[in-house]
Amino acid sequence: MCTYLHGETSVRCVENALGITIPSNARLIRNLLMGAQFLHDHIVHFYHLSAQDWVDITSALKTDLPPRLRWQRASCRMPRQSIANSARFLMRCGGSSKLFTCPSVIPEHVRHSWYEGETALQPSSGVTAPQSTTLDTAGRYSWLKTPRYQGEPAEVGPLARIMVAYGLNHPEVKATLDGFLQATGLTLPEMYSTIGRIAAHGALLRSLHCLRRACH
């Protein structure tokens, strides 16, 4: 599922290690590919991952599938076909974007993970020693490590982007989210929920669509 994003992050790690700075054209190519990744991610997240919990899958047999399948194929083709050439090009051009300005404030916790130890460590010095136990929601229950920002959980992804943009009074995002809240009767704090995160994917798509129309 994670296509272009992992590739670009790997290239940036190499750039940081070598102290390379990318030119403006390379940065523009990255931004274009990341925009395509955003669109692809929203389609996959809703239709392939979330929708099966909310809709009648069998009803898809009664709809016009080919256009929708072509939409999905087109949305994923650009990042998939471009990532290899883009990575080679960016490796030649270089770059110096910082993944984290201060990695020490983002440790990984394993207190509730199936790994040895309980000490939160930075990713660069982390230890991944499996220690599987029974499922215990009050103890250890996951193979995932838990990053924390300054010791606190932080929202990331579409909902974070929408809420930050809303707080900054971004006109397209604010209009889209206000319309959703009015239509559903939800309050702004209730966006921090499953339905809110699904809506955030749609709000980003709607906002991107409005911005694209405004650019033409």
N, C-alpha and C. Protein backbone atom coordinates (compact mmCIF):
# COMPACT_ATOMS: atom_id res chain seq x y z
N MET A 1 0.82 -1.20 0.00
CA MET A 1 0.00 0.00 0.00
C MET A 1 0.86 1.26 0.00
N CYS A 2 1.95 1.26 0.77
CA CYS A 2 2.79 2.45 0.87
C CYS A 2 3.76 2.44 -0.31
N THR A 3 3.45 3.19 -1.33
CA THR A 3 4.22 3.13 -2.58
C THR A 3 5.30 4.19 -2.60
N TYR A 4 5.02 5.35 -3.14
CA TYR A 4 6.04 6.37 -3.36
C TYR A 4 6.64 6.89 -2.05
N LEU A 5 5.83 6.98 -1.01
CA LEU A 5 6.27 7.59 0.25
C LEU A 5 7.52 6.91 0.81
N HIS A 6 7.53 5.58 0.84
CA HIS A 6 8.68 4.87 1.38
C HIS A 6 9.91 5.08 0.51
N GLY A 7 9.72 5.12 -0.80
CA GLY A 7 10.84 5.34 -1.70
C GLY A 7 11.48 6.69 -1.50
N GLU A 8 10.64 7.73 -1.41
CA GLU A 8 11.19 9.08 -1.21
C GLU A 8 11.88 9.20 0.14
N THR A 9 11.29 8.62 1.17
CA THR A 9 11.90 8.69 2.50
C THR A 9 13.27 8.03 2.51
N SER A 10 13.40 6.90 1.81
CA SER A 10 14.70 6.22 1.74
C SER A 10 15.74 7.10 1.06
N VAL A 11 15.31 7.74 -0.04
CA VAL A 11 16.24 8.62 -0.75
C VAL A 11 16.65 9.80 0.12
N ARG A 12 15.71 10.35 0.87
CA ARG A 12 16.04 11.49 1.73
C ARG A 12 17.02 11.10 2.83
N CYS A 13 16.90 9.88 3.33
CA CYS A 13 17.85 9.42 4.34
C CYS A 13 19.27 9.40 3.77
N VAL A 14 19.40 8.92 2.53
CA VAL A 14 20.72 8.90 1.90
C VAL A 14 21.22 10.32 1.68
N GLU A 15 20.33 11.20 1.25
CA GLU A 15 20.70 12.61 1.03
C GLU A 15 21.22 13.24 2.32
N ASN A 16 20.50 13.02 3.39
CA ASN A 16 20.92 13.59 4.67
C ASN A 16 22.28 13.05 5.10
N ALA A 17 22.48 11.75 4.87
CA ALA A 17 23.75 11.14 5.27
C ALA A 17 24.91 11.69 4.46
N LEU A 18 24.67 12.00 3.18
CA LEU A 18 25.74 12.47 2.31
C LEU A 18 25.81 14.00 2.23
N GLY A 19 24.86 14.69 2.86
CA GLY A 19 24.87 16.15 2.83
C GLY A 19 24.61 16.72 1.45
N ILE A 20 23.68 16.13 0.70
CA ILE A 20 23.40 16.55 -0.68
C ILE A 20 22.18 17.46 -0.71
N THR A 21 22.20 18.44 -1.59
CA THR A 21 21.08 19.37 -1.77
C THR A 21 20.48 19.18 -3.15
N ILE A 22 19.16 19.00 -3.23
CA ILE A 22 18.51 18.77 -4.51
C ILE A 22 18.19 20.11 -5.20
N PRO A 23 18.15 20.14 -6.52
CA PRO A 23 17.77 21.35 -7.24
C PRO A 23 16.26 21.55 -7.22
N SER A 24 15.81 22.72 -7.67
CA SER A 24 14.39 23.05 -7.62
C SER A 24 13.54 22.10 -8.45
N ASN A 25 14.04 21.69 -9.63
CA ASN A 25 13.26 20.80 -10.48
C ASN A 25 13.03 19.45 -9.82
N ALA A 26 14.02 18.96 -9.09
CA ALA A 26 13.84 17.69 -8.39
C ALA A 26 12.80 17.83 -7.29
N ARG A 27 12.81 18.97 -6.61
CA ARG A 27 11.80 19.21 -5.57
C ARG A 27 10.41 19.26 -6.18
N LEU A 28 10.26 19.87 -7.35
CA LEU A 28 8.96 19.93 -8.01
C LEU A 28 8.48 18.53 -8.40
N ILE A 29 9.40 17.70 -8.89
CA ILE A 29 9.03 16.33 -9.25
C ILE A 29 8.55 15.58 -8.02
N ARG A 30 9.24 15.77 -6.90
CA ARG A 30 8.82 15.11 -5.66
C ARG A 30 7.41 15.55 -5.28
N ASN A 31 7.15 16.84 -5.37
CA ASN A 31 5.84 17.35 -4.98
C ASN A 31 4.74 16.79 -5.88
N LEU A 32 5.01 16.68 -7.18
CA LEU A 32 4.02 16.12 -8.10
C LEU A 32 3.73 14.66 -7.76
N LEU A 33 4.80 13.89 -7.51
CA LEU A 33 4.62 12.49 -7.17
C LEU A 33 3.92 12.33 -5.84
N MET A 34 4.23 13.20 -4.87
CA MET A 34 3.55 13.11 -3.58
C MET A 34 2.07 13.45 -3.71
N GLY A 35 1.74 14.39 -4.59
CA GLY A 35 0.32 14.69 -4.83
C GLY A 35 -0.41 13.49 -5.41
N ALA A 36 0.24 12.79 -6.34
CA ALA A 36 -0.35 11.57 -6.90
C ALA A 36 -0.50 10.51 -5.83
N GLN A 37 0.49 10.43 -4.94
CA GLN A 37 0.41 9.47 -3.83
C GLN A 37 -0.77 9.78 -2.92
N PHE A 38 -1.01 11.06 -2.64
CA PHE A 38 -2.16 11.45 -1.80
C PHE A 38 -3.46 10.93 -2.41
N LEU A 39 -3.64 11.18 -3.71
CA LEU A 39 -4.89 10.75 -4.38
C LEU A 39 -5.02 9.23 -4.33
N HIS A 40 -3.94 8.54 -4.66
CA HIS A 40 -3.97 7.08 -4.64
C HIS A 40 -4.28 6.54 -3.25
N ASP A 41 -3.68 7.15 -2.23
CA ASP A 41 -3.86 6.67 -0.86
C ASP A 41 -5.31 6.81 -0.41
N HIS A 42 -5.95 7.91 -0.77
CA HIS A 42 -7.34 8.10 -0.35
C HIS A 42 -8.26 7.08 -1.00
N ILE A 43 -8.03 6.79 -2.27
CA ILE A 43 -8.85 5.79 -2.97
C ILE A 43 -8.67 4.42 -2.34
N VAL A 44 -7.43 4.03 -2.11
CA VAL A 44 -7.14 2.72 -1.51
C VAL A 44 -7.71 2.64 -0.09
N HIS A 45 -7.47 3.69 0.71
CA HIS A 45 -7.90 3.66 2.10
C HIS A 45 -9.41 3.49 2.21
N PHE A 46 -10.16 4.24 1.42
CA PHE A 46 -11.62 4.15 1.57
C PHE A 46 -12.19 2.91 0.88
N TYR A 47 -11.95 2.76 -0.43
CA TYR A 47 -12.61 1.71 -1.18
C TYR A 47 -12.06 0.32 -0.87
N HIS A 48 -10.77 0.20 -0.58
CA HIS A 48 -10.17 -1.12 -0.38
C HIS A 48 -10.05 -1.51 1.08
N LEU A 49 -9.87 -0.53 1.98
CA LEU A 49 -9.61 -0.86 3.38
C LEU A 49 -10.80 -0.58 4.29
N SER A 50 -11.43 0.57 4.16
CA SER A 50 -12.48 0.96 5.10
C SER A 50 -13.88 0.61 4.63
N ALA A 51 -14.14 0.76 3.34
CA ALA A 51 -15.51 0.65 2.86
C ALA A 51 -16.14 -0.71 3.13
N GLN A 52 -15.31 -1.75 3.20
CA GLN A 52 -15.87 -3.09 3.40
C GLN A 52 -16.55 -3.24 4.76
N ASP A 53 -16.23 -2.35 5.70
CA ASP A 53 -16.90 -2.37 6.99
C ASP A 53 -18.19 -1.55 6.99
N TRP A 54 -18.44 -0.80 5.91
CA TRP A 54 -19.55 0.16 5.93
C TRP A 54 -20.56 -0.06 4.80
N VAL A 55 -20.19 -0.78 3.76
CA VAL A 55 -21.08 -0.92 2.61
C VAL A 55 -21.33 -2.38 2.28
N ASP A 56 -22.33 -2.62 1.45
CA ASP A 56 -22.65 -3.96 0.98
C ASP A 56 -21.76 -4.28 -0.21
N ILE A 57 -20.77 -5.13 0.01
CA ILE A 57 -19.79 -5.40 -1.04
C ILE A 57 -20.45 -6.04 -2.26
N THR A 58 -21.45 -6.90 -2.02
CA THR A 58 -22.07 -7.61 -3.14
C THR A 58 -22.77 -6.66 -4.11
N SER A 59 -23.15 -5.46 -3.61
CA SER A 59 -23.82 -4.51 -4.50
C SER A 59 -22.88 -3.99 -5.58
N ALA A 60 -21.57 -4.18 -5.36
CA ALA A 60 -20.60 -3.75 -6.38
C ALA A 60 -20.77 -4.53 -7.67
N LEU A 61 -21.35 -5.75 -7.57
CA LEU A 61 -21.57 -6.55 -8.77
C LEU A 61 -22.62 -5.94 -9.68
N LYS A 62 -23.43 -5.03 -9.14
CA LYS A 62 -24.50 -4.43 -9.92
C LYS A 62 -24.12 -3.07 -10.50
N THR A 63 -22.91 -2.62 -10.21
CA THR A 63 -22.52 -1.29 -10.67
C THR A 63 -21.57 -1.39 -11.86
N ASP A 64 -21.22 -0.24 -12.40
CA ASP A 64 -20.36 -0.18 -13.56
C ASP A 64 -18.91 -0.21 -13.10
N LEU A 65 -18.35 -1.40 -12.98
CA LEU A 65 -17.01 -1.54 -12.42
C LEU A 65 -15.87 -1.04 -13.31
N PRO A 66 -15.91 -1.30 -14.62
CA PRO A 66 -14.74 -0.93 -15.41
C PRO A 66 -14.25 0.50 -15.24
N PRO A 67 -15.13 1.54 -15.31
CA PRO A 67 -14.61 2.91 -15.12
C PRO A 67 -13.95 3.10 -13.77
N ARG A 68 -14.52 2.49 -12.72
CA ARG A 68 -13.95 2.65 -11.38
C ARG A 68 -12.61 1.93 -11.27
N LEU A 69 -12.52 0.77 -11.92
CA LEU A 69 -11.25 0.07 -11.90
C LEU A 69 -10.19 0.83 -12.69
N ARG A 70 -10.61 1.46 -13.79
CA ARG A 70 -9.65 2.26 -14.55
C ARG A 70 -9.18 3.46 -13.73
N TRP A 71 -10.09 4.05 -12.93
CA TRP A 71 -9.73 5.18 -12.07
C TRP A 71 -8.67 4.75 -11.05
N GLN A 72 -8.89 3.59 -10.44
CA GLN A 72 -7.93 3.08 -9.47
C GLN A 72 -6.59 2.77 -10.13
N ARG A 73 -6.64 2.13 -11.29
CA ARG A 73 -5.40 1.78 -11.98
C ARG A 73 -4.62 3.03 -12.38
N ALA A 74 -5.34 4.03 -12.87
CA ALA A 74 -4.66 5.27 -13.28
C ALA A 74 -4.06 5.99 -12.09
N SER A 75 -4.74 5.94 -10.94
CA SER A 75 -4.27 6.67 -9.77
C SER A 75 -3.00 6.08 -9.20
N CYS A 76 -2.82 4.75 -9.35
CA CYS A 76 -1.63 4.12 -8.77
C CYS A 76 -0.50 3.97 -9.77
N ARG A 77 -0.79 4.14 -11.06
CA ARG A 77 0.24 3.91 -12.07
C ARG A 77 1.35 4.95 -12.00
N MET A 78 0.98 6.20 -11.78
CA MET A 78 1.99 7.26 -11.81
C MET A 78 3.07 7.07 -10.74
N PRO A 79 2.70 6.91 -9.44
CA PRO A 79 3.77 6.70 -8.46
C PRO A 79 4.55 5.41 -8.70
N ARG A 80 3.83 4.34 -9.11
CA ARG A 80 4.50 3.06 -9.25
C ARG A 80 5.51 3.07 -10.38
N GLN A 81 5.17 3.69 -11.53
CA GLN A 81 6.07 3.70 -12.66
C GLN A 81 7.18 4.71 -12.50
N SER A 82 6.92 5.75 -11.71
CA SER A 82 7.89 6.85 -11.61
C SER A 82 8.89 6.66 -10.49
N ILE A 83 8.59 5.82 -9.50
CA ILE A 83 9.43 5.80 -8.30
C ILE A 83 10.87 5.37 -8.59
N ALA A 84 11.06 4.36 -9.43
CA ALA A 84 12.43 3.89 -9.68
C ALA A 84 13.26 4.95 -10.39
N ASN A 85 12.71 5.49 -11.50
CA ASN A 85 13.45 6.52 -12.23
C ASN A 85 13.65 7.76 -11.38
N SER A 86 12.61 8.11 -10.60
CA SER A 86 12.71 9.29 -9.75
C SER A 86 13.79 9.11 -8.70
N ALA A 87 13.86 7.92 -8.09
CA ALA A 87 14.87 7.68 -7.07
C ALA A 87 16.28 7.78 -7.65
N ARG A 88 16.47 7.20 -8.85
CA ARG A 88 17.80 7.28 -9.47
C ARG A 88 18.16 8.72 -9.81
N PHE A 89 17.16 9.48 -10.32
CA PHE A 89 17.40 10.87 -10.67
C PHE A 89 17.74 11.69 -9.42
N LEU A 90 16.97 11.46 -8.36
CA LEU A 90 17.20 12.23 -7.14
C LEU A 90 18.52 11.85 -6.49
N MET A 91 18.93 10.59 -6.64
CA MET A 91 20.23 10.20 -6.09
C MET A 91 21.35 10.94 -6.81
N ARG A 92 21.18 11.17 -8.12
CA ARG A 92 22.21 11.91 -8.85
C ARG A 92 22.18 13.39 -8.47
N CYS A 93 20.95 13.93 -8.27
CA CYS A 93 20.82 15.36 -7.98
C CYS A 93 21.07 15.67 -6.50
N GLY A 94 20.70 14.74 -5.61
CA GLY A 94 20.92 14.91 -4.17
C GLY A 94 19.78 15.61 -3.48
N GLY A 95 19.97 15.94 -2.19
CA GLY A 95 18.97 16.65 -1.42
C GLY A 95 19.35 16.75 0.04
N SER A 96 18.73 17.68 0.74
CA SER A 96 19.10 17.89 2.14
C SER A 96 17.90 18.10 3.04
N SER A 97 16.72 17.62 2.62
CA SER A 97 15.53 17.82 3.45
C SER A 97 15.67 17.07 4.76
N LYS A 98 15.27 17.68 5.86
CA LYS A 98 15.36 17.06 7.17
C LYS A 98 14.11 16.27 7.48
N LEU A 99 14.26 14.98 7.78
CA LEU A 99 13.10 14.19 8.17
C LEU A 99 12.60 14.64 9.53
N PHE A 100 13.49 14.85 10.47
CA PHE A 100 13.13 15.35 11.79
C PHE A 100 14.15 16.41 12.19
N THR A 101 13.68 17.52 12.72
CA THR A 101 14.61 18.54 13.16
C THR A 101 15.28 18.14 14.47
N CYS A 102 14.61 17.28 15.25
CA CYS A 102 15.19 16.86 16.53
C CYS A 102 14.69 15.45 16.85
N PRO A 103 15.38 14.41 16.34
CA PRO A 103 14.91 13.03 16.53
C PRO A 103 14.76 12.62 17.99
N SER A 104 15.47 13.29 18.89
CA SER A 104 15.44 12.87 20.29
C SER A 104 14.06 13.04 20.92
N VAL A 105 13.20 13.88 20.33
CA VAL A 105 11.88 14.10 20.92
C VAL A 105 10.85 13.11 20.38
N ILE A 106 11.29 12.16 19.51
CA ILE A 106 10.35 11.19 18.93
C ILE A 106 10.86 9.78 19.21
N PRO A 107 10.80 9.31 20.46
CA PRO A 107 11.23 7.94 20.78
C PRO A 107 10.13 6.93 20.46
N GLU A 108 10.51 5.67 20.39
CA GLU A 108 9.57 4.58 20.15
C GLU A 108 9.37 3.80 21.44
N HIS A 109 8.11 3.68 21.86
CA HIS A 109 7.78 2.95 23.09
C HIS A 109 7.41 1.51 22.76
N VAL A 110 7.80 0.58 23.64
CA VAL A 110 7.48 -0.84 23.44
C VAL A 110 6.80 -1.45 24.66
N ARG A 111 6.34 -0.60 25.56
CA ARG A 111 5.72 -1.09 26.79
C ARG A 111 4.53 -2.00 26.50
N HIS A 112 3.79 -1.73 25.45
CA HIS A 112 2.62 -2.53 25.12
C HIS A 112 2.83 -3.36 23.85
N SER A 113 4.07 -3.53 23.44
CA SER A 113 4.40 -4.30 22.24
C SER A 113 5.02 -5.64 22.61
N TRP A 114 4.98 -6.57 21.66
CA TRP A 114 5.55 -7.89 21.88
C TRP A 114 7.06 -7.87 21.62
N TYR A 115 7.77 -6.99 22.34
CA TYR A 115 9.22 -6.91 22.26
C TYR A 115 9.80 -6.83 23.66
N GLU A 116 11.05 -7.23 23.79
CA GLU A 116 11.70 -7.19 25.09
C GLU A 116 11.91 -5.75 25.56
N GLY A 117 11.85 -5.57 26.86
CA GLY A 117 12.13 -4.26 27.44
C GLY A 117 10.92 -3.35 27.53
N GLU A 118 11.10 -2.24 28.22
CA GLU A 118 10.04 -1.25 28.38
C GLU A 118 10.55 0.17 28.18
N THR A 119 11.83 0.30 27.86
CA THR A 119 12.43 1.62 27.71
C THR A 119 12.17 2.18 26.32
N ALA A 120 11.73 3.43 26.26
CA ALA A 120 11.52 4.11 24.99
C ALA A 120 12.86 4.58 24.43
N LEU A 121 13.16 4.19 23.18
CA LEU A 121 14.44 4.53 22.56
C LEU A 121 14.22 5.25 21.24
N GLN A 122 15.21 6.01 20.81
CA GLN A 122 15.17 6.62 19.49
C GLN A 122 15.25 5.52 18.44
N PRO A 123 14.61 5.72 17.27
CA PRO A 123 14.65 4.68 16.23
C PRO A 123 16.06 4.23 15.86
N SER A 124 17.02 5.17 15.85
CA SER A 124 18.38 4.83 15.46
C SER A 124 19.08 3.91 16.46
N SER A 125 18.61 3.90 17.70
CA SER A 125 19.22 3.06 18.73
C SER A 125 18.23 2.05 19.31
N GLY A 126 17.12 1.87 18.63
CA GLY A 126 16.08 0.96 19.12
C GLY A 126 16.49 -0.50 19.04
N VAL A 127 15.83 -1.33 19.85
CA VAL A 127 16.08 -2.77 19.87
C VAL A 127 14.80 -3.49 19.48
N THR A 128 14.88 -4.40 18.54
CA THR A 128 13.71 -5.16 18.09
C THR A 128 13.94 -6.62 18.40
N ALA A 129 13.67 -7.00 19.65
CA ALA A 129 13.84 -8.37 20.11
C ALA A 129 12.46 -8.94 20.45
N PRO A 130 11.88 -9.78 19.58
CA PRO A 130 10.53 -10.30 19.81
C PRO A 130 10.39 -11.03 21.13
N GLN A 131 9.25 -10.78 21.77
CA GLN A 131 8.90 -11.47 23.01
C GLN A 131 7.39 -11.62 23.03
N SER A 132 6.91 -12.60 22.29
CA SER A 132 5.48 -12.77 22.12
C SER A 132 4.83 -13.29 23.39
N THR A 133 3.69 -12.72 23.73
CA THR A 133 2.89 -13.17 24.86
C THR A 133 1.44 -13.30 24.40
N THR A 134 0.57 -13.65 25.31
CA THR A 134 -0.84 -13.69 24.96
C THR A 134 -1.38 -12.28 24.81
N LEU A 135 -2.48 -12.15 24.11
CA LEU A 135 -3.10 -10.85 23.91
C LEU A 135 -3.61 -10.32 25.24
N ASP A 136 -3.15 -9.14 25.61
CA ASP A 136 -3.53 -8.52 26.87
C ASP A 136 -3.66 -7.02 26.65
N THR A 137 -4.89 -6.54 26.54
CA THR A 137 -5.10 -5.13 26.22
C THR A 137 -4.60 -4.19 27.31
N ALA A 138 -4.36 -4.72 28.52
CA ALA A 138 -3.80 -3.90 29.58
C ALA A 138 -2.28 -4.04 29.64
N GLY A 139 -1.76 -5.00 28.85
CA GLY A 139 -0.32 -5.22 28.84
C GLY A 139 0.22 -5.13 27.43
N ARG A 140 0.68 -6.28 26.90
CA ARG A 140 1.25 -6.30 25.56
C ARG A 140 0.23 -6.89 24.58
N TYR A 141 0.03 -6.19 23.46
CA TYR A 141 -1.03 -6.62 22.55
C TYR A 141 -0.73 -6.33 21.08
N SER A 142 0.48 -5.93 20.73
CA SER A 142 0.73 -5.53 19.34
C SER A 142 2.19 -5.77 18.96
N TRP A 143 2.41 -5.98 17.65
CA TRP A 143 3.77 -6.03 17.12
C TRP A 143 4.27 -4.64 16.73
N LEU A 144 3.45 -3.64 16.85
CA LEU A 144 3.84 -2.29 16.48
C LEU A 144 4.55 -1.58 17.63
N LYS A 145 5.58 -0.82 17.30
CA LYS A 145 6.15 0.09 18.28
C LYS A 145 5.33 1.38 18.26
N THR A 146 5.44 2.17 19.31
CA THR A 146 4.59 3.35 19.44
C THR A 146 5.42 4.62 19.53
N PRO A 147 5.54 5.36 18.42
CA PRO A 147 6.25 6.64 18.47
C PRO A 147 5.48 7.65 19.30
N ARG A 148 6.17 8.49 20.03
CA ARG A 148 5.56 9.58 20.80
C ARG A 148 6.34 10.86 20.52
N TYR A 149 5.63 11.96 20.43
CA TYR A 149 6.28 13.26 20.24
C TYR A 149 6.32 13.98 21.59
N GLN A 150 7.51 14.15 22.12
CA GLN A 150 7.70 14.74 23.44
C GLN A 150 6.87 14.01 24.50
N GLY A 151 6.82 12.69 24.36
CA GLY A 151 6.13 11.86 25.33
C GLY A 151 4.63 11.74 25.17
N GLU A 152 4.06 12.40 24.16
CA GLU A 152 2.61 12.40 23.97
C GLU A 152 2.25 11.82 22.60
N PRO A 153 1.09 11.13 22.49
CA PRO A 153 0.64 10.66 21.18
C PRO A 153 0.27 11.85 20.31
N ALA A 154 0.52 11.74 19.02
CA ALA A 154 0.24 12.83 18.09
C ALA A 154 -0.55 12.31 16.90
N GLU A 155 -1.56 13.03 16.50
CA GLU A 155 -2.35 12.68 15.33
C GLU A 155 -1.57 13.02 14.07
N VAL A 156 -1.56 12.09 13.11
CA VAL A 156 -0.90 12.34 11.83
C VAL A 156 -1.83 11.90 10.70
N GLY A 157 -1.47 12.20 9.47
CA GLY A 157 -2.26 11.77 8.34
C GLY A 157 -3.33 12.78 7.94
N PRO A 158 -4.33 12.32 7.17
CA PRO A 158 -5.35 13.23 6.64
C PRO A 158 -6.08 14.04 7.70
N LEU A 159 -6.44 13.40 8.82
CA LEU A 159 -7.18 14.14 9.84
C LEU A 159 -6.32 15.27 10.42
N ALA A 160 -5.05 14.99 10.65
CA ALA A 160 -4.16 16.03 11.17
C ALA A 160 -4.06 17.18 10.18
N ARG A 161 -3.92 16.86 8.90
CA ARG A 161 -3.82 17.91 7.89
C ARG A 161 -5.08 18.76 7.85
N ILE A 162 -6.23 18.08 7.90
CA ILE A 162 -7.50 18.80 7.84
C ILE A 162 -7.67 19.69 9.06
N MET A 163 -7.38 19.17 10.25
CA MET A 163 -7.61 19.95 11.47
C MET A 163 -6.65 21.14 11.56
N VAL A 164 -5.41 20.95 11.12
CA VAL A 164 -4.46 22.07 11.12
C VAL A 164 -4.90 23.13 10.13
N ALA A 165 -5.30 22.70 8.93
CA ALA A 165 -5.75 23.66 7.93
C ALA A 165 -7.02 24.38 8.39
N TYR A 166 -7.90 23.64 9.04
CA TYR A 166 -9.13 24.24 9.56
C TYR A 166 -8.80 25.29 10.63
N GLY A 167 -7.85 24.95 11.50
CA GLY A 167 -7.46 25.90 12.53
C GLY A 167 -6.81 27.14 11.98
N LEU A 168 -6.21 27.01 10.79
CA LEU A 168 -5.58 28.16 10.12
C LEU A 168 -6.56 28.88 9.19
N ASN A 169 -7.84 28.45 9.24
CA ASN A 169 -8.90 29.08 8.43
C ASN A 169 -8.63 28.99 6.93
N HIS A 170 -8.11 27.85 6.48
CA HIS A 170 -7.95 27.63 5.05
C HIS A 170 -9.35 27.61 4.42
N PRO A 171 -9.63 28.48 3.45
CA PRO A 171 -11.02 28.64 2.97
C PRO A 171 -11.66 27.38 2.42
N GLU A 172 -10.93 26.62 1.57
CA GLU A 172 -11.52 25.42 0.98
C GLU A 172 -11.76 24.34 2.02
N VAL A 173 -10.77 24.14 2.89
CA VAL A 173 -10.90 23.11 3.93
C VAL A 173 -12.00 23.50 4.91
N LYS A 174 -12.04 24.76 5.31
CA LYS A 174 -13.04 25.20 6.29
C LYS A 174 -14.45 25.05 5.74
N ALA A 175 -14.65 25.42 4.47
CA ALA A 175 -15.98 25.28 3.86
C ALA A 175 -16.39 23.81 3.77
N THR A 176 -15.44 22.95 3.37
CA THR A 176 -15.74 21.53 3.24
C THR A 176 -16.06 20.90 4.58
N LEU A 177 -15.26 21.18 5.59
CA LEU A 177 -15.48 20.57 6.90
C LEU A 177 -16.73 21.13 7.58
N ASP A 178 -16.96 22.42 7.47
CA ASP A 178 -18.19 23.00 8.05
C ASP A 178 -19.43 22.38 7.42
N GLY A 179 -19.38 22.15 6.11
CA GLY A 179 -20.51 21.50 5.44
C GLY A 179 -20.74 20.09 5.94
N PHE A 180 -19.65 19.36 6.15
CA PHE A 180 -19.78 18.00 6.66
C PHE A 180 -20.36 17.99 8.07
N LEU A 181 -19.87 18.87 8.94
CA LEU A 181 -20.35 18.92 10.32
C LEU A 181 -21.82 19.30 10.36
N GLN A 182 -22.22 20.22 9.51
CA GLN A 182 -23.63 20.63 9.49
C GLN A 182 -24.52 19.49 8.98
N ALA A 183 -24.06 18.79 7.97
CA ALA A 183 -24.86 17.71 7.39
C ALA A 183 -25.00 16.52 8.33
N THR A 184 -23.99 16.25 9.15
CA THR A 184 -24.01 15.09 10.03
C THR A 184 -24.44 15.41 11.45
N GLY A 185 -24.42 16.69 11.82
CA GLY A 185 -24.74 17.06 13.19
C GLY A 185 -23.62 16.80 14.17
N LEU A 186 -22.44 16.50 13.65
CA LEU A 186 -21.28 16.26 14.52
C LEU A 186 -20.65 17.58 14.95
N THR A 187 -19.91 17.53 16.04
CA THR A 187 -19.16 18.70 16.49
C THR A 187 -17.70 18.54 16.08
N LEU A 188 -16.94 19.60 16.15
CA LEU A 188 -15.54 19.54 15.73
C LEU A 188 -14.74 18.52 16.55
N PRO A 189 -14.88 18.45 17.89
CA PRO A 189 -14.13 17.44 18.65
C PRO A 189 -14.49 16.00 18.24
N GLU A 190 -15.69 15.79 17.71
CA GLU A 190 -16.09 14.44 17.30
C GLU A 190 -15.43 14.00 15.99
N MET A 191 -14.64 14.88 15.39
CA MET A 191 -13.88 14.48 14.22
C MET A 191 -12.78 13.48 14.59
N TYR A 192 -12.38 13.49 15.87
CA TYR A 192 -11.35 12.54 16.32
C TYR A 192 -12.01 11.18 16.59
N SER A 193 -12.43 10.55 15.51
CA SER A 193 -13.16 9.28 15.58
C SER A 193 -12.97 8.56 14.25
N THR A 194 -13.51 7.35 14.17
CA THR A 194 -13.42 6.60 12.92
C THR A 194 -14.09 7.34 11.78
N ILE A 195 -15.33 7.79 12.01
CA ILE A 195 -16.05 8.50 10.95
C ILE A 195 -15.34 9.81 10.60
N GLY A 196 -14.72 10.45 11.60
CA GLY A 196 -14.00 11.69 11.34
C GLY A 196 -12.78 11.46 10.46
N ARG A 197 -12.08 10.35 10.70
CA ARG A 197 -10.90 10.06 9.90
C ARG A 197 -11.27 9.69 8.47
N ILE A 198 -12.38 8.97 8.30
CA ILE A 198 -12.86 8.67 6.96
C ILE A 198 -13.28 9.95 6.26
N ALA A 199 -13.98 10.84 6.98
CA ALA A 199 -14.40 12.11 6.40
C ALA A 199 -13.20 12.96 6.02
N ALA A 200 -12.12 12.88 6.80
CA ALA A 200 -10.93 13.68 6.51
C ALA A 200 -10.33 13.29 5.16
N HIS A 201 -10.36 11.99 4.84
CA HIS A 201 -9.89 11.57 3.52
C HIS A 201 -10.72 12.24 2.43
N GLY A 202 -12.05 12.22 2.59
CA GLY A 202 -12.92 12.84 1.61
C GLY A 202 -12.75 14.35 1.56
N ALA A 203 -12.54 14.96 2.72
CA ALA A 203 -12.37 16.41 2.77
C ALA A 203 -11.11 16.83 2.04
N LEU A 204 -10.04 16.03 2.16
CA LEU A 204 -8.81 16.34 1.45
C LEU A 204 -9.02 16.23 -0.05
N LEU A 205 -9.71 15.17 -0.48
CA LEU A 205 -9.98 15.01 -1.90
C LEU A 205 -10.81 16.16 -2.43
N ARG A 206 -11.84 16.55 -1.67
CA ARG A 206 -12.69 17.66 -2.08
C ARG A 206 -11.89 18.95 -2.16
N SER A 207 -11.05 19.20 -1.18
CA SER A 207 -10.26 20.42 -1.16
C SER A 207 -9.27 20.45 -2.32
N LEU A 208 -8.62 19.28 -2.60
CA LEU A 208 -7.70 19.20 -3.72
C LEU A 208 -8.43 19.46 -5.03
N HIS A 209 -9.66 18.93 -5.15
CA HIS A 209 -10.45 19.14 -6.35
C HIS A 209 -10.78 20.62 -6.54
N CYS A 210 -11.17 21.29 -5.46
CA CYS A 210 -11.49 22.71 -5.54
C CYS A 210 -10.27 23.54 -5.90
N LEU A 211 -9.13 23.18 -5.32
CA LEU A 211 -7.90 23.92 -5.62
C LEU A 211 -7.49 23.70 -7.07
N ARG A 212 -7.68 22.48 -7.57
CA ARG A 212 -7.31 22.21 -8.96
C ARG A 212 -8.19 23.02 -9.90
N ARG A 213 -9.50 23.11 -9.61
CA ARG A 213 -10.38 23.91 -10.43
C ARG A 213 -10.00 25.38 -10.40
N ALA A 214 -9.57 25.83 -9.22
CA ALA A 214 -9.21 27.24 -9.08
C ALA A 214 -7.94 27.58 -9.87
N CYS A 215 -7.11 26.56 -10.12
CA CYS A 215 -5.85 26.81 -10.84
C CYS A 215 -6.04 26.86 -12.34
N HIS A 216 -7.19 26.43 -12.84
CA HIS A 216 -7.41 26.39 -14.29
C HIS A 216 -8.08 27.69 -14.74
